[in-house]
Amino acid sequence: MIYNKDANFPYPILKNGSISYKDSYFILDVTLEENTNYYRISFTYEISSPFIEKLIFDEKAMLILIIQSKDNKFYKLNSSQRFIDVPKSRISFGNRTSIQLHIQSNTEIRFDKNDDLTSFYDEFKDDLVVPKNSLLGFSNIVVWEGSMQKPLELFEKKLNENLSSEIKIELGTETIIIHYKKADYQLGEISNKALNNLYIYMGLRTGLMRFITFYGEDGDDYVDLSEINPPENLLDFKLYQLMKSKFVKELHFDLIDEVITQISDKIIEKYTSAVKELASNGN
């Protein structure tokens, strides 16, 4: 379970603002990324107690990441671990998800050598002993709200009846613009928006090809994303951020389709399903 700052225990607990420790803080920071198959939850933390830090380092205590959403999950971590990869089939992130880091004892813990406690415990800390599997501390609660960024947010649709072609892909200042010669081509009367995924695929391909042209060194046909600075162009910056968040390390001309698979959410599979649904309905 997730604890708030007012939770009380019969022994000293490390938490933000605790009166049990001289300088009491346990600060958690979390970033959330995803690809088609799993979420990556990366975290950093700071704790004020060298006594607790040593317990973790000596594996007398362990870190546990608690995720509370539509369903509740907990993940035991090793002392050096700073991220977990969770298959999407194992967890659901709702519009409000709470994440907290706990410290739990792996063995019986004596507090007689805990010099981080306030003077209140001086007279009886020699007698303070907590059993195995006891909670020793908990962090602030990180609340994640809203949905993850989707590739569709990169796109903008426009109607242009003066086009000499049925559609046109334009790379704008911050979006990939799909121009349609006729409103019918937008398939607006059909509820399944996945039928437009074919145009989105074309737009992503156009944007990524230009990305390589702009940021590949000396005419190279690839870009190492770890060696370039974040682009100043807003559209390229969005593509860069999207690729980094989906763990794409290099972008090659001959591997663009593979990269689109990584950064998009089953875009072709959804398009195919939409077409099959129309066919089965006799449309």
C-alpha atoms as a PDB file:
ATOM      1  CA  MET A   1       0.000   0.000   0.000  1.00  0.00           C
ATOM      2  CA  ILE A   2       0.958   3.643  -0.365  1.00  0.00           C
ATOM      3  CA  TYR A   3       1.433   5.685   2.817  1.00  0.00           C
ATOM      4  CA  ASN A   4       0.844   9.387   3.254  1.00  0.00           C
ATOM      5  CA  LYS A   5       3.062  11.599   5.370  1.00  0.00           C
ATOM      6  CA  ASP A   6       0.722  11.363   8.389  1.00  0.00           C
ATOM      7  CA  ALA A   7       1.041   7.578   8.762  1.00  0.00           C
ATOM      8  CA  ASN A   8       2.170   6.630  12.287  1.00  0.00           C
ATOM      9  CA  PHE A   9       4.382   3.719  13.380  1.00  0.00           C
ATOM     10  CA  PRO A  10       5.518   2.516  16.817  1.00  0.00           C
ATOM     11  CA  TYR A  11       9.179   2.923  15.839  1.00  0.00           C
ATOM     12  CA  PRO A  12      11.223   5.503  13.865  1.00  0.00           C
ATOM     13  CA  ILE A  13      10.352   5.797  10.167  1.00  0.00           C
ATOM     14  CA  LEU A  14      12.362   7.744   7.601  1.00  0.00           C
ATOM     15  CA  LYS A  15       9.960   9.972   5.668  1.00  0.00           C
ATOM     16  CA  ASN A  16       9.753  13.564   4.566  1.00  0.00           C
ATOM     17  CA  GLY A  17       9.293  15.810   7.593  1.00  0.00           C
ATOM     18  CA  SER A  18       9.573  13.013  10.176  1.00  0.00           C
ATOM     19  CA  ILE A  19      10.273  14.089  13.749  1.00  0.00           C
ATOM     20  CA  SER A  20      12.150  10.821  14.366  1.00  0.00           C
ATOM     21  CA  TYR A  21      15.225  11.738  12.312  1.00  0.00           C
ATOM     22  CA  LYS A  22      17.374  14.844  12.732  1.00  0.00           C
ATOM     23  CA  ASP A  23      17.284  15.774   9.053  1.00  0.00           C
ATOM     24  CA  SER A  24      14.485  13.697   7.627  1.00  0.00           C
ATOM     25  CA  TYR A  25      13.844  13.480   3.891  1.00  0.00           C
ATOM     26  CA  PHE A  26      13.222  10.703   1.373  1.00  0.00           C
ATOM     27  CA  ILE A  27      12.710  12.261  -2.057  1.00  0.00           C
ATOM     28  CA  LEU A  28      11.649  10.244  -5.093  1.00  0.00           C
ATOM     29  CA  ASP A  29      11.681  11.428  -8.717  1.00  0.00           C
ATOM     30  CA  VAL A  30      10.190   9.288 -11.500  1.00  0.00           C
ATOM     31  CA  THR A  31      10.168   9.378 -15.308  1.00  0.00           C
ATOM     32  CA  LEU A  32       7.874   7.197 -17.377  1.00  0.00           C
ATOM     33  CA  GLU A  33       8.606   5.998 -20.928  1.00  0.00           C
ATOM     34  CA  GLU A  34       7.050   3.388 -23.161  1.00  0.00           C
ATOM     35  CA  ASN A  35       7.398   1.421 -26.360  1.00  0.00           C
ATOM     36  CA  THR A  36       4.991  -0.978 -28.043  1.00  0.00           C
ATOM     37  CA  ASN A  37       5.494  -3.798 -25.547  1.00  0.00           C
ATOM     38  CA  TYR A  38       6.428  -2.363 -22.159  1.00  0.00           C
ATOM     39  CA  TYR A  39       6.723   0.639 -19.856  1.00  0.00           C
ATOM     40  CA  ARG A  40      10.077   1.755 -18.485  1.00  0.00           C
ATOM     41  CA  ILE A  41       9.831   3.356 -15.050  1.00  0.00           C
ATOM     42  CA  SER A  42      13.078   5.158 -14.211  1.00  0.00           C
ATOM     43  CA  PHE A  43      13.644   6.703 -10.806  1.00  0.00           C
ATOM     44  CA  THR A  44      16.148   8.525  -8.634  1.00  0.00           C
ATOM     45  CA  TYR A  45      15.940   9.047  -4.895  1.00  0.00           C
ATOM     46  CA  GLU A  46      17.659  10.913  -2.073  1.00  0.00           C
ATOM     47  CA  ILE A  47      17.574   9.922   1.584  1.00  0.00           C
ATOM     48  CA  SER A  48      18.962  11.837   4.533  1.00  0.00           C
ATOM     49  CA  SER A  49      20.058   8.919   6.723  1.00  0.00           C
ATOM     50  CA  PRO A  50      23.515   7.326   6.283  1.00  0.00           C
ATOM     51  CA  PHE A  51      22.331   4.559   8.634  1.00  0.00           C
ATOM     52  CA  ILE A  52      19.502   3.589   6.257  1.00  0.00           C
ATOM     53  CA  GLU A  53      21.756   4.000   3.207  1.00  0.00           C
ATOM     54  CA  LYS A  54      24.232   1.523   4.686  1.00  0.00           C
ATOM     55  CA  LEU A  55      21.454  -0.968   5.405  1.00  0.00           C
ATOM     56  CA  ILE A  56      20.482  -0.836   1.735  1.00  0.00           C
ATOM     57  CA  PHE A  57      24.099  -1.105   0.578  1.00  0.00           C
ATOM     58  CA  ASP A  58      24.705  -4.093   2.883  1.00  0.00           C
ATOM     59  CA  GLU A  59      21.451  -5.670   1.651  1.00  0.00           C
ATOM     60  CA  LYS A  60      20.024  -5.684   5.159  1.00  0.00           C
ATOM     61  CA  ALA A  61      17.208  -3.596   3.695  1.00  0.00           C
ATOM     62  CA  MET A  62      15.707  -3.455   0.222  1.00  0.00           C
ATOM     63  CA  LEU A  63      13.895  -0.960  -1.961  1.00  0.00           C
ATOM     64  CA  ILE A  64      10.346  -1.695  -3.099  1.00  0.00           C
ATOM     65  CA  LEU A  65       8.602   0.359  -5.789  1.00  0.00           C
ATOM     66  CA  ILE A  66       4.840   0.593  -5.234  1.00  0.00           C
ATOM     67  CA  ILE A  67       2.544   1.493  -8.150  1.00  0.00           C
ATOM     68  CA  GLN A  68      -1.098   2.219  -7.392  1.00  0.00           C
ATOM     69  CA  SER A  69      -3.430   2.603 -10.354  1.00  0.00           C
ATOM     70  CA  LYS A  70      -6.361   0.547 -11.622  1.00  0.00           C
ATOM     71  CA  ASP A  71      -4.485  -2.324 -10.016  1.00  0.00           C
ATOM     72  CA  ASN A  72      -1.725  -2.266  -7.399  1.00  0.00           C
ATOM     73  CA  LYS A  73       1.745  -3.654  -8.061  1.00  0.00           C
ATOM     74  CA  PHE A  74       5.003  -3.785  -6.137  1.00  0.00           C
ATOM     75  CA  TYR A  75       8.506  -4.496  -7.409  1.00  0.00           C
ATOM     76  CA  LYS A  76      11.486  -5.526  -5.290  1.00  0.00           C
ATOM     77  CA  LEU A  77      14.682  -3.766  -6.401  1.00  0.00           C
ATOM     78  CA  ASN A  78      18.376  -4.302  -5.835  1.00  0.00           C
ATOM     79  CA  SER A  79      20.438  -1.509  -4.293  1.00  0.00           C
ATOM     80  CA  SER A  80      21.885  -0.268  -7.596  1.00  0.00           C
ATOM     81  CA  GLN A  81      18.728  -0.616  -9.703  1.00  0.00           C
ATOM     82  CA  ARG A  82      17.332   2.605 -11.154  1.00  0.00           C
ATOM     83  CA  PHE A  83      14.635   1.425 -13.557  1.00  0.00           C
ATOM     84  CA  ILE A  84      12.197  -1.395 -14.185  1.00  0.00           C
ATOM     85  CA  ASP A  85      10.664  -2.588 -17.455  1.00  0.00           C
ATOM     86  CA  VAL A  86       7.061  -3.711 -17.050  1.00  0.00           C
ATOM     87  CA  PRO A  87       5.181  -5.514 -19.864  1.00  0.00           C
ATOM     88  CA  LYS A  88       2.022  -3.636 -20.800  1.00  0.00           C
ATOM     89  CA  SER A  89       0.063  -6.844 -20.281  1.00  0.00           C
ATOM     90  CA  ARG A  90       1.000  -6.768 -16.583  1.00  0.00           C
ATOM     91  CA  ILE A  91      -0.046  -3.258 -15.600  1.00  0.00           C
ATOM     92  CA  SER A  92      -2.597  -0.575 -16.476  1.00  0.00           C
ATOM     93  CA  PHE A  93      -1.835   3.121 -16.126  1.00  0.00           C
ATOM     94  CA  GLY A  94      -4.994   5.124 -15.511  1.00  0.00           C
ATOM     95  CA  ASN A  95      -5.491   8.865 -15.673  1.00  0.00           C
ATOM     96  CA  ARG A  96      -4.126   9.058 -12.134  1.00  0.00           C
ATOM     97  CA  THR A  97      -1.350   6.726 -11.017  1.00  0.00           C
ATOM     98  CA  SER A  98       0.557   7.031  -7.732  1.00  0.00           C
ATOM     99  CA  ILE A  99       4.131   5.783  -7.276  1.00  0.00           C
ATOM    100  CA  GLN A 100       6.062   5.509  -4.011  1.00  0.00           C
ATOM    101  CA  LEU A 101       9.363   3.984  -2.931  1.00  0.00           C
ATOM    102  CA  HIS A 102       9.555   1.938   0.286  1.00  0.00           C
ATOM    103  CA  ILE A 103      12.497   0.647   2.313  1.00  0.00           C
ATOM    104  CA  GLN A 104      11.894  -2.720   3.966  1.00  0.00           C
ATOM    105  CA  SER A 105      14.133  -4.716   6.297  1.00  0.00           C
ATOM    106  CA  ASN A 106      15.587  -8.007   5.061  1.00  0.00           C
ATOM    107  CA  THR A 107      16.583  -9.037   8.569  1.00  0.00           C
ATOM    108  CA  GLU A 108      16.080  -7.952  12.154  1.00  0.00           C
ATOM    109  CA  ILE A 109      17.281  -4.351  12.534  1.00  0.00           C
ATOM    110  CA  ARG A 110      18.680  -2.852  15.750  1.00  0.00           C
ATOM    111  CA  PHE A 111      18.665   0.940  16.105  1.00  0.00           C
ATOM    112  CA  ASP A 112      21.361   1.208  18.791  1.00  0.00           C
ATOM    113  CA  LYS A 113      23.933   2.444  16.255  1.00  0.00           C
ATOM    114  CA  ASN A 114      21.520   4.753  14.414  1.00  0.00           C
ATOM    115  CA  ASP A 115      23.049   8.162  15.121  1.00  0.00           C
ATOM    116  CA  ASP A 116      20.645   9.831  12.694  1.00  0.00           C
ATOM    117  CA  LEU A 117      17.743   9.723  15.149  1.00  0.00           C
ATOM    118  CA  THR A 118      16.738  12.780  17.171  1.00  0.00           C
ATOM    119  CA  SER A 119      17.755  13.118  20.826  1.00  0.00           C
ATOM    120  CA  PHE A 120      14.310  11.894  21.846  1.00  0.00           C
ATOM    121  CA  TYR A 121      15.545   8.318  21.255  1.00  0.00           C
ATOM    122  CA  ASP A 122      18.879   8.632  23.085  1.00  0.00           C
ATOM    123  CA  GLU A 123      17.700   6.961  26.259  1.00  0.00           C
ATOM    124  CA  PHE A 124      15.996   3.944  24.732  1.00  0.00           C
ATOM    125  CA  LYS A 125      17.291   3.397  21.164  1.00  0.00           C
ATOM    126  CA  ASP A 126      19.459   0.541  22.475  1.00  0.00           C
ATOM    127  CA  ASP A 127      16.212  -1.342  23.013  1.00  0.00           C
ATOM    128  CA  LEU A 128      14.731  -0.509  19.610  1.00  0.00           C
ATOM    129  CA  VAL A 129      14.576  -3.615  17.415  1.00  0.00           C
ATOM    130  CA  VAL A 130      12.322  -4.205  14.418  1.00  0.00           C
ATOM    131  CA  PRO A 131      11.763  -7.641  12.865  1.00  0.00           C
ATOM    132  CA  LYS A 132      12.414  -8.802   9.314  1.00  0.00           C
ATOM    133  CA  ASN A 133      10.063  -7.385   6.650  1.00  0.00           C
ATOM    134  CA  SER A 134       9.387  -4.204   8.625  1.00  0.00           C
ATOM    135  CA  LEU A 135       8.917  -0.869   6.849  1.00  0.00           C
ATOM    136  CA  LEU A 136      11.877   1.427   7.546  1.00  0.00           C
ATOM    137  CA  GLY A 137      10.969   4.379   5.361  1.00  0.00           C
ATOM    138  CA  PHE A 138       8.764   5.672   2.555  1.00  0.00           C
ATOM    139  CA  SER A 139       9.190   8.464   0.032  1.00  0.00           C
ATOM    140  CA  ASN A 140       6.935  11.196  -1.240  1.00  0.00           C
ATOM    141  CA  ILE A 141       4.169  10.099  -3.612  1.00  0.00           C
ATOM    142  CA  VAL A 142       4.750  10.835  -7.300  1.00  0.00           C
ATOM    143  CA  VAL A 143       1.438  11.301  -9.087  1.00  0.00           C
ATOM    144  CA  TRP A 144       1.371  10.748 -12.836  1.00  0.00           C
ATOM    145  CA  GLU A 145      -1.646  12.225 -14.602  1.00  0.00           C
ATOM    146  CA  GLY A 146      -2.793  12.058 -18.200  1.00  0.00           C
ATOM    147  CA  SER A 147      -1.958   9.708 -21.058  1.00  0.00           C
ATOM    148  CA  MET A 148       1.387   9.057 -22.664  1.00  0.00           C
ATOM    149  CA  GLN A 149       2.401  11.045 -25.716  1.00  0.00           C
ATOM    150  CA  LYS A 150       1.242   9.332 -28.924  1.00  0.00           C
ATOM    151  CA  PRO A 151       2.613   9.710 -32.446  1.00  0.00           C
ATOM    152  CA  LEU A 152      -0.711  11.215 -33.568  1.00  0.00           C
ATOM    153  CA  GLU A 153       0.123  14.366 -31.620  1.00  0.00           C
ATOM    154  CA  LEU A 154       2.768  15.070 -34.231  1.00  0.00           C
ATOM    155  CA  PHE A 155       0.129  15.404 -36.939  1.00  0.00           C
ATOM    156  CA  GLU A 156      -2.195  18.046 -38.313  1.00  0.00           C
ATOM    157  CA  LYS A 157      -4.876  17.627 -40.989  1.00  0.00           C
ATOM    158  CA  LYS A 158      -5.807  20.302 -43.555  1.00  0.00           C
ATOM    159  CA  LEU A 159      -8.189  20.478 -46.504  1.00  0.00           C
ATOM    160  CA  ASN A 160      -6.732  21.994 -49.697  1.00  0.00           C
ATOM    161  CA  GLU A 161      -8.946  21.676 -52.770  1.00  0.00           C
ATOM    162  CA  ASN A 162      -6.264  23.253 -55.000  1.00  0.00           C
ATOM    163  CA  LEU A 163      -3.879  20.289 -54.634  1.00  0.00           C
ATOM    164  CA  SER A 164      -2.698  18.690 -57.852  1.00  0.00           C
ATOM    165  CA  SER A 165      -2.582  15.321 -56.020  1.00  0.00           C
ATOM    166  CA  GLU A 166      -5.078  13.575 -53.741  1.00  0.00           C
ATOM    167  CA  ILE A 167      -2.953  14.078 -50.614  1.00  0.00           C
ATOM    168  CA  LYS A 168       0.281  15.871 -49.783  1.00  0.00           C
ATOM    169  CA  ILE A 169       2.656  15.376 -46.852  1.00  0.00           C
ATOM    170  CA  GLU A 170       4.206  18.614 -45.589  1.00  0.00           C
ATOM    171  CA  LEU A 171       6.785  18.941 -42.821  1.00  0.00           C
ATOM    172  CA  GLY A 172       5.701  22.062 -40.962  1.00  0.00           C
ATOM    173  CA  THR A 173       7.509  23.988 -38.268  1.00  0.00           C
ATOM    174  CA  GLU A 174       6.228  21.734 -35.478  1.00  0.00           C
ATOM    175  CA  THR A 175       3.852  19.211 -37.032  1.00  0.00           C
ATOM    176  CA  ILE A 176       3.625  16.820 -39.939  1.00  0.00           C
ATOM    177  CA  ILE A 177       0.743  18.177 -42.001  1.00  0.00           C
ATOM    178  CA  ILE A 178      -1.426  15.906 -44.120  1.00  0.00           C
ATOM    179  CA  HIS A 179      -3.191  17.931 -46.820  1.00  0.00           C
ATOM    180  CA  TYR A 180      -6.297  16.380 -48.377  1.00  0.00           C
ATOM    181  CA  LYS A 181      -7.724  17.496 -51.710  1.00  0.00           C
ATOM    182  CA  LYS A 182     -11.230  16.365 -50.750  1.00  0.00           C
ATOM    183  CA  ALA A 183     -12.883  16.108 -47.357  1.00  0.00           C
ATOM    184  CA  ASP A 184     -13.976  12.565 -48.223  1.00  0.00           C
ATOM    185  CA  TYR A 185     -10.347  11.464 -48.220  1.00  0.00           C
ATOM    186  CA  GLN A 186     -10.210  12.167 -44.466  1.00  0.00           C
ATOM    187  CA  LEU A 187     -12.781   9.407 -43.899  1.00  0.00           C
ATOM    188  CA  GLY A 188     -14.458  11.603 -41.324  1.00  0.00           C
ATOM    189  CA  GLU A 189     -17.787   9.802 -41.612  1.00  0.00           C
ATOM    190  CA  ILE A 190     -16.168   6.515 -40.483  1.00  0.00           C
ATOM    191  CA  SER A 191     -15.754   6.228 -36.732  1.00  0.00           C
ATOM    192  CA  ASN A 192     -12.613   4.072 -36.814  1.00  0.00           C
ATOM    193  CA  LYS A 193      -9.810   6.647 -37.077  1.00  0.00           C
ATOM    194  CA  ALA A 194      -7.223   3.886 -37.574  1.00  0.00           C
ATOM    195  CA  LEU A 195      -8.041   3.973 -41.300  1.00  0.00           C
ATOM    196  CA  ASN A 196      -5.925   7.135 -41.466  1.00  0.00           C
ATOM    197  CA  ASN A 197      -2.899   5.254 -40.090  1.00  0.00           C
ATOM    198  CA  LEU A 198      -1.601   4.664 -43.608  1.00  0.00           C
ATOM    199  CA  TYR A 199      -1.217   8.424 -44.091  1.00  0.00           C
ATOM    200  CA  ILE A 200       0.361   8.731 -40.656  1.00  0.00           C
ATOM    201  CA  TYR A 201       2.887   6.044 -41.571  1.00  0.00           C
ATOM    202  CA  MET A 202       3.753   7.991 -44.736  1.00  0.00           C
ATOM    203  CA  GLY A 203       4.183  11.152 -42.670  1.00  0.00           C
ATOM    204  CA  LEU A 204       6.476   9.507 -40.157  1.00  0.00           C
ATOM    205  CA  ARG A 205       8.598   8.072 -42.948  1.00  0.00           C
ATOM    206  CA  THR A 206       8.929  11.484 -44.601  1.00  0.00           C
ATOM    207  CA  GLY A 207       9.859  13.154 -41.311  1.00  0.00           C
ATOM    208  CA  LEU A 208      12.463  10.547 -40.382  1.00  0.00           C
ATOM    209  CA  MET A 209      14.092  10.638 -43.819  1.00  0.00           C
ATOM    210  CA  ARG A 210      14.545  14.390 -43.491  1.00  0.00           C
ATOM    211  CA  PHE A 211      15.856  13.907 -39.937  1.00  0.00           C
ATOM    212  CA  ILE A 212      18.694  11.741 -41.249  1.00  0.00           C
ATOM    213  CA  THR A 213      19.455  14.250 -44.010  1.00  0.00           C
ATOM    214  CA  PHE A 214      19.668  17.127 -41.522  1.00  0.00           C
ATOM    215  CA  TYR A 215      21.547  15.444 -38.682  1.00  0.00           C
ATOM    216  CA  GLY A 216      23.670  12.749 -40.319  1.00  0.00           C
ATOM    217  CA  GLU A 217      27.347  13.719 -40.414  1.00  0.00           C
ATOM    218  CA  ASP A 218      29.091  14.291 -43.756  1.00  0.00           C
ATOM    219  CA  GLY A 219      26.420  12.639 -45.844  1.00  0.00           C
ATOM    220  CA  ASP A 220      26.100   9.569 -43.598  1.00  0.00           C
ATOM    221  CA  ASP A 221      22.943   7.526 -44.084  1.00  0.00           C
ATOM    222  CA  TYR A 222      22.335   7.244 -40.335  1.00  0.00           C
ATOM    223  CA  VAL A 223      22.154   9.318 -37.155  1.00  0.00           C
ATOM    224  CA  ASP A 224      23.489   8.256 -33.754  1.00  0.00           C
ATOM    225  CA  LEU A 225      20.972   9.881 -31.410  1.00  0.00           C
ATOM    226  CA  SER A 226      23.411   9.780 -28.481  1.00  0.00           C
ATOM    227  CA  GLU A 227      25.882  12.009 -30.325  1.00  0.00           C
ATOM    228  CA  ILE A 228      23.616  14.858 -31.442  1.00  0.00           C
ATOM    229  CA  ASN A 229      22.189  17.731 -29.430  1.00  0.00           C
ATOM    230  CA  PRO A 230      18.400  18.046 -29.183  1.00  0.00           C
ATOM    231  CA  PRO A 231      17.288  19.776 -32.424  1.00  0.00           C
ATOM    232  CA  GLU A 232      16.132  23.388 -32.341  1.00  0.00           C
ATOM    233  CA  ASN A 233      13.538  22.722 -35.039  1.00  0.00           C
ATOM    234  CA  LEU A 234      10.318  21.960 -33.143  1.00  0.00           C
ATOM    235  CA  LEU A 235       9.154  19.106 -35.367  1.00  0.00           C
ATOM    236  CA  ASP A 236      12.591  17.466 -35.342  1.00  0.00           C
ATOM    237  CA  PHE A 237      12.736  17.959 -31.569  1.00  0.00           C
ATOM    238  CA  LYS A 238       9.411  16.082 -31.215  1.00  0.00           C
ATOM    239  CA  LEU A 239      10.711  13.241 -33.380  1.00  0.00           C
ATOM    240  CA  TYR A 240      13.966  13.182 -31.412  1.00  0.00           C
ATOM    241  CA  GLN A 241      12.132  13.063 -28.076  1.00  0.00           C
ATOM    242  CA  LEU A 242       9.790  10.369 -29.351  1.00  0.00           C
ATOM    243  CA  MET A 243      12.646   8.166 -30.554  1.00  0.00           C
ATOM    244  CA  LYS A 244      14.612   8.638 -27.317  1.00  0.00           C
ATOM    245  CA  SER A 245      11.562   7.768 -25.216  1.00  0.00           C
ATOM    246  CA  LYS A 246      11.093   4.553 -27.226  1.00  0.00           C
ATOM    247  CA  PHE A 247      14.779   3.582 -26.738  1.00  0.00           C
ATOM    248  CA  VAL A 248      15.821   4.147 -30.375  1.00  0.00           C
ATOM    249  CA  LYS A 249      19.604   4.603 -30.436  1.00  0.00           C
ATOM    250  CA  GLU A 250      20.325   4.927 -34.155  1.00  0.00           C
ATOM    251  CA  LEU A 251      18.255   5.931 -37.155  1.00  0.00           C
ATOM    252  CA  HIS A 252      19.294   4.417 -40.531  1.00  0.00           C
ATOM    253  CA  PHE A 253      17.824   5.025 -43.968  1.00  0.00           C
ATOM    254  CA  ASP A 254      17.427   1.283 -44.500  1.00  0.00           C
ATOM    255  CA  LEU A 255      15.884   0.725 -41.064  1.00  0.00           C
ATOM    256  CA  ILE A 256      13.299   3.504 -41.019  1.00  0.00           C
ATOM    257  CA  ASP A 257      10.385   1.048 -41.102  1.00  0.00           C
ATOM    258  CA  GLU A 258      11.781  -0.755 -38.054  1.00  0.00           C
ATOM    259  CA  VAL A 259      12.044   2.556 -36.196  1.00  0.00           C
ATOM    260  CA  ILE A 260       8.445   3.437 -37.088  1.00  0.00           C
ATOM    261  CA  THR A 261       7.409   0.121 -35.565  1.00  0.00           C
ATOM    262  CA  GLN A 262       9.235   1.081 -32.350  1.00  0.00           C
ATOM    263  CA  ILE A 263       7.842   4.600 -32.038  1.00  0.00           C
ATOM    264  CA  SER A 264       4.258   3.939 -33.089  1.00  0.00           C
ATOM    265  CA  ASP A 265       1.621   1.974 -31.241  1.00  0.00           C
ATOM    266  CA  LYS A 266       0.916  -0.970 -33.582  1.00  0.00           C
ATOM    267  CA  ILE A 267      -0.026   1.472 -36.309  1.00  0.00           C
ATOM    268  CA  ILE A 268      -0.239  -1.014 -39.207  1.00  0.00           C
ATOM    269  CA  GLU A 269      -1.904  -3.698 -37.093  1.00  0.00           C
ATOM    270  CA  LYS A 270      -4.662  -1.239 -36.153  1.00  0.00           C
ATOM    271  CA  TYR A 271      -5.046  -0.120 -39.769  1.00  0.00           C
ATOM    272  CA  THR A 272      -5.387  -3.742 -40.931  1.00  0.00           C
ATOM    273  CA  SER A 273      -7.949  -4.492 -38.219  1.00  0.00           C
ATOM    274  CA  ALA A 274      -9.990  -1.462 -39.259  1.00  0.00           C
ATOM    275  CA  VAL A 275     -10.022  -2.571 -42.906  1.00  0.00           C
ATOM    276  CA  LYS A 276     -11.045  -6.114 -41.916  1.00  0.00           C
ATOM    277  CA  GLU A 277     -13.829  -4.709 -39.733  1.00  0.00           C
ATOM    278  CA  LEU A 278     -15.202  -2.717 -42.684  1.00  0.00           C
ATOM    279  CA  ALA A 279     -14.987  -5.760 -44.936  1.00  0.00           C
ATOM    280  CA  SER A 280     -16.796  -7.981 -42.446  1.00  0.00           C
ATOM    281  CA  ASN A 281     -19.584  -5.401 -42.163  1.00  0.00           C
ATOM    282  CA  GLY A 282     -20.000  -5.448 -45.923  1.00  0.00           C
ATOM    283  CA  ASN A 283     -18.949  -1.839 -46.458  1.00  0.00           C
END
